[in-house]
Amino acid sequence: MKKKYKMIVLDLDGTLTNNNKVITPKTKNALIRAQEQGIRIVLASGRPTYGIAPLAQELQLKQYHGYILAFNGAKIIDCASGNTLFEQTLPLELVPTLYEKAIEHHMNILTYQGEEIAATSTQDKYVKEEARINKLPITLYPNFLKQIVYPINKCLIVGDPTPLHLLETELSKTLEGKMSIYRSADYFLECVPLNVDKALSIAKLLKLTNIKREEIIACGDGYNDLSMIKYAGLGVAMANANEDIRRKADYVTLSNEEDGVAKVIDTFIL
């Protein structure tokens, strides 16, 4: 007899969406069928809220009472009511350090203001990539620190992988115990409130829904998904995840190019 799962938590890029950042018809159909059986869907991503909202709409999360975990869990939104259930913001006194270090290392920094990306460059290829992923316009903030409207949930510093790694090491030491710094891609350095973590946010959400951790499935492909993969009753790694992530998962599904999420639903839910 199949275990009764009640919730499925999905990372987006490299997990739910294919390499074109699209949900395929097969995966979409499987998720709608799961929701018709009462399964709650949670979209958990480092993306900003407005970068997740179109996918939530496509999967009818408002109708089926799903949730958005934006900014890697720094913000939880109930899709049915539109209410923010939980939020953590960056200490504003630390943002100048991020800005100054980015400029010192000849890199660009961005944050999110409403439905747009606020960045120190509109032409940087990595800033453009973040805009493409989230389908959001870029607005130039030449006076970044004075133009930002607070509160903000995260900053993203972008740059070539090797120098960005050096900056990551430097910032991690400077801001230790004050902020979490890690990479979500080789060229993206996430700067988020301390202890922002997908598993911790899921735990907060479960308290509000009366669902137990044994009753959830979590699927992901990145290092920022590892905590929720280990936390969930069934932790699933995509075939396109790094080997050490796959090793720590309970189950490895097909890749994001082969409808790996649909396979999980067919195997464990439907």
Foldseek 3Di string as FASTA:
>chain_A
DFDAFAEEEEEQVFTQADPQSHHDPLLLVLLLVLLVVRHAYEYFYLAAPLLCVVVCVSSVCLVSFHWYQYNQNQWIAGSVVRDIPHHDFADLVCVVVVVVLLVVLVWKKWFDDPQAIEICDQPDPVVVVSCSSSVGYYDYDVVVSVPDDDGTFWMKIFDAQPSVVVSQVVVCVVQPPAWDWDDQDSGIIITGGPPRANLVSVVVVCVVVVGDQLNYEYEDATPSRQNNQQRHNFREYEPNHDPVSRVNGPYYFYISNVSRSSVCSVVRPD
